[in-house]
Amino acid sequence: MLTPPELTLLFLGIVVGLGAAIVWLIWEIEQTMSKPTRRGDHAR
């Protein structure tokens, strides 16, 4: 069985990992949505 400090670190690791995954997912969606508008306008 894990001790309370180990459980706290495990929980924090899970929360940080999920938060990073959500931020990365939002970033990828933003990049995908903004690509079509950039392609033609800034080619000059």
C-alpha atoms as a PDB file:
ATOM      1  CA  MET A   1       0.000   0.000   0.000  1.00  0.00           C
ATOM      2  CA  LEU A   2       1.178   3.528  -0.757  1.00  0.00           C
ATOM      3  CA  THR A   3       1.825   6.038   1.998  1.00  0.00           C
ATOM      4  CA  PRO A   4      -0.121   9.337   2.012  1.00  0.00           C
ATOM      5  CA  PRO A   5       2.800  11.391   0.561  1.00  0.00           C
ATOM      6  CA  GLU A   6       3.174   8.863  -2.273  1.00  0.00           C
ATOM      7  CA  LEU A   7      -0.556   9.009  -2.965  1.00  0.00           C
ATOM      8  CA  THR A   8      -0.381  12.810  -3.042  1.00  0.00           C
ATOM      9  CA  LEU A   9       2.498  12.770  -5.523  1.00  0.00           C
ATOM     10  CA  LEU A  10       0.708  10.188  -7.664  1.00  0.00           C
ATOM     11  CA  PHE A  11      -2.478  12.271  -7.670  1.00  0.00           C
ATOM     12  CA  LEU A  12      -0.551  15.437  -8.538  1.00  0.00           C
ATOM     13  CA  GLY A  13       1.221  13.618 -11.367  1.00  0.00           C
ATOM     14  CA  ILE A  14      -2.092  12.445 -12.799  1.00  0.00           C
ATOM     15  CA  VAL A  15      -3.626  15.936 -12.563  1.00  0.00           C
ATOM     16  CA  VAL A  16      -0.592  17.594 -14.183  1.00  0.00           C
ATOM     17  CA  GLY A  17      -0.521  14.972 -16.940  1.00  0.00           C
ATOM     18  CA  LEU A  18      -4.207  15.400 -17.724  1.00  0.00           C
ATOM     19  CA  GLY A  19      -3.881  19.183 -17.664  1.00  0.00           C
ATOM     20  CA  ALA A  20      -0.939  19.070 -20.066  1.00  0.00           C
ATOM     21  CA  ALA A  21      -2.862  16.729 -22.391  1.00  0.00           C
ATOM     22  CA  ILE A  22      -5.866  19.070 -22.438  1.00  0.00           C
ATOM     23  CA  VAL A  23      -3.688  22.125 -23.141  1.00  0.00           C
ATOM     24  CA  TRP A  24      -1.894  20.256 -25.953  1.00  0.00           C
ATOM     25  CA  LEU A  25      -5.237  19.150 -27.434  1.00  0.00           C
ATOM     26  CA  ILE A  26      -6.597  22.719 -27.413  1.00  0.00           C
ATOM     27  CA  TRP A  27      -3.320  23.967 -28.967  1.00  0.00           C
ATOM     28  CA  GLU A  28      -3.560  21.380 -31.769  1.00  0.00           C
ATOM     29  CA  ILE A  29      -7.198  22.314 -32.475  1.00  0.00           C
ATOM     30  CA  GLU A  30      -6.264  26.015 -32.601  1.00  0.00           C
ATOM     31  CA  GLN A  31      -3.417  25.321 -35.034  1.00  0.00           C
ATOM     32  CA  THR A  32      -5.652  23.186 -37.269  1.00  0.00           C
ATOM     33  CA  MET A  33      -8.419  25.782 -37.354  1.00  0.00           C
ATOM     34  CA  SER A  34      -6.094  28.708 -38.151  1.00  0.00           C
ATOM     35  CA  LYS A  35      -4.192  27.054 -41.030  1.00  0.00           C
ATOM     36  CA  PRO A  36      -6.704  27.597 -43.893  1.00  0.00           C
ATOM     37  CA  THR A  37      -6.875  31.364 -43.277  1.00  0.00           C
ATOM     38  CA  ARG A  38      -3.085  31.804 -43.294  1.00  0.00           C
ATOM     39  CA  ARG A  39      -2.367  29.827 -46.448  1.00  0.00           C
ATOM     40  CA  GLY A  40      -3.513  32.297 -49.122  1.00  0.00           C
ATOM     41  CA  ASP A  41      -3.209  35.702 -47.478  1.00  0.00           C
ATOM     42  CA  HIS A  42       0.400  35.809 -46.300  1.00  0.00           C
ATOM     43  CA  ALA A  43       2.000  34.025 -49.257  1.00  0.00           C
ATOM     44  CA  ARG A  44       3.206  37.339 -50.723  1.00  0.00           C
END
